[in-house]
Amino acid sequence: MAVTATLLTAPLFVGCSSNKSAEKDVSITACRDDPGGGRPTADGTILNHSSKASSYVVDISFIDSSGNRVSEGGAPVGKVESGATAVFHAQGVSGAKGPLTCKVASVQRTVAP
């Protein structure tokens, strides 16, 4: 089952923390700039390696060719069963001219209700 989510900025979840285990669940599959200076986008997948169904918030940094973070964006992803995959789409909150690279800045994973 695939889950798709889109959000301009990531919400804050109290009691969540980014950890390396959750970051290993996330892969960026596409990173696109806008030649006209519009908001960049990133697509990716989540594979829930934990033993429980989990919800995620993925924060992406958009980096220019000089290594500067020029935008950031986030995507919440609802319940992902243990061993299942989901997709996400994150859009930068501000415009940025390319070329850009995308980096996972942080991942919050919480046990889904």
Protein backbone atom coordinates (compact mmCIF):
# COMPACT_ATOMS: atom_id res chain seq x y z
CA MET A 1 0.00 0.00 0.00
CA ALA A 2 1.39 3.42 -0.91
CA VAL A 3 0.53 6.64 0.88
CA THR A 4 1.04 10.04 -0.72
CA ALA A 5 1.35 13.33 1.18
CA THR A 6 2.02 16.93 0.20
CA LEU A 7 2.71 19.85 2.51
CA LEU A 8 4.42 23.19 2.16
CA THR A 9 5.84 23.21 5.67
CA ALA A 10 6.18 20.40 8.16
CA PRO A 11 4.01 20.53 11.27
CA LEU A 12 5.58 20.23 14.68
CA PHE A 13 4.92 17.04 16.58
CA VAL A 14 5.49 17.26 20.31
CA GLY A 15 7.44 14.33 21.73
CA CYS A 16 9.03 13.32 18.42
CA SER A 17 12.70 13.34 17.70
CA SER A 18 14.78 12.68 14.65
CA ASN A 19 16.92 9.60 14.85
CA LYS A 20 19.27 7.78 12.55
CA SER A 21 17.05 4.69 12.51
CA ALA A 22 14.09 6.67 11.13
CA GLU A 23 16.34 8.50 8.65
CA LYS A 24 17.37 5.12 7.22
CA ASP A 25 13.70 4.53 6.33
CA VAL A 26 13.72 7.51 3.91
CA SER A 27 15.10 7.70 0.36
CA ILE A 28 14.91 10.68 -1.99
CA THR A 29 13.95 9.52 -5.48
CA ALA A 30 13.74 12.89 -7.28
CA CYS A 31 15.02 16.42 -6.65
CA ARG A 32 13.85 19.19 -8.95
CA ASP A 33 14.66 22.86 -9.12
CA ASP A 34 12.63 25.43 -10.98
CA PRO A 35 14.73 27.17 -13.67
CA GLY A 36 12.61 30.29 -13.16
CA GLY A 37 13.40 30.46 -9.45
CA GLY A 38 10.17 28.90 -8.20
CA ARG A 39 9.87 26.51 -5.29
CA PRO A 40 11.93 23.31 -5.59
CA THR A 41 10.43 19.87 -4.99
CA ALA A 42 11.60 16.50 -3.72
CA ASP A 43 9.93 13.11 -3.99
CA GLY A 44 10.84 10.04 -2.06
CA THR A 45 9.88 6.78 -0.45
CA ILE A 46 9.64 5.51 3.10
CA LEU A 47 10.14 1.88 4.01
CA ASN A 48 9.05 1.32 7.60
CA HIS A 49 11.77 -0.85 9.15
CA SER A 50 10.29 -0.58 12.65
CA SER A 51 8.18 -3.31 14.21
CA LYS A 52 5.10 -1.07 14.54
CA ALA A 53 2.90 0.99 12.24
CA SER A 54 4.32 4.51 12.25
CA SER A 55 3.63 8.05 11.09
CA TYR A 56 6.42 10.21 9.70
CA VAL A 57 7.39 13.83 9.14
CA VAL A 58 10.21 14.20 6.63
CA ASP A 59 12.11 17.50 6.43
CA ILE A 60 14.12 18.21 3.27
CA SER A 61 16.87 20.79 2.74
CA PHE A 62 17.43 22.15 -0.76
CA ILE A 63 21.12 22.91 -1.28
CA ASP A 64 22.64 25.10 -4.02
CA SER A 65 25.89 24.38 -5.85
CA SER A 66 27.85 26.40 -3.25
CA GLY A 67 26.58 24.21 -0.43
CA ASN A 68 24.12 26.76 0.96
CA ARG A 69 20.65 25.76 2.11
CA VAL A 70 18.40 27.91 -0.06
CA SER A 71 15.03 26.42 0.86
CA GLU A 72 13.47 23.76 2.98
CA GLY A 73 10.24 21.81 2.92
CA GLY A 74 8.51 19.02 4.69
CA ALA A 75 5.99 16.27 4.22
CA PRO A 76 3.85 14.45 6.75
CA VAL A 77 3.08 10.84 5.96
CA GLY A 78 0.25 9.07 7.76
CA LYS A 79 0.20 5.52 9.02
CA VAL A 80 2.75 3.24 7.36
CA GLU A 81 2.47 -0.38 8.45
CA SER A 82 5.58 -2.25 9.57
CA GLY A 83 7.44 -3.43 6.45
CA ALA A 84 5.25 -1.32 4.14
CA THR A 85 6.29 1.54 1.85
CA ALA A 86 4.85 4.99 1.29
CA VAL A 87 5.74 7.91 -0.95
CA PHE A 88 6.12 11.58 -0.08
CA HIS A 89 6.31 14.89 -1.93
CA ALA A 90 7.94 17.92 -0.33
CA GLN A 91 7.94 21.43 -1.78
CA GLY A 92 10.32 24.16 -0.69
CA VAL A 93 8.81 27.08 1.21
CA SER A 94 10.74 29.62 -0.84
CA GLY A 95 11.92 29.94 -4.40
CA ALA A 96 15.41 28.85 -5.40
CA LYS A 97 17.30 28.74 -8.67
CA GLY A 98 19.15 25.57 -9.61
CA PRO A 99 21.01 23.46 -9.86
CA LEU A 100 20.04 22.07 -6.47
CA THR A 101 20.53 18.91 -4.49
CA CYS A 102 18.13 17.57 -1.88
CA LYS A 103 19.13 16.26 1.52
CA VAL A 104 17.05 14.63 4.26
CA ALA A 105 17.40 17.16 7.08
CA SER A 106 15.44 15.21 9.68
CA VAL A 107 12.85 12.50 10.09
CA GLN A 108 10.37 12.17 12.93
CA ARG A 109 8.79 8.75 13.31
CA THR A 110 6.06 8.08 15.86
CA VAL A 111 4.00 5.00 16.58
CA ALA A 112 0.71 5.43 14.70
CA PRO A 113 -2.51 5.20 16.71
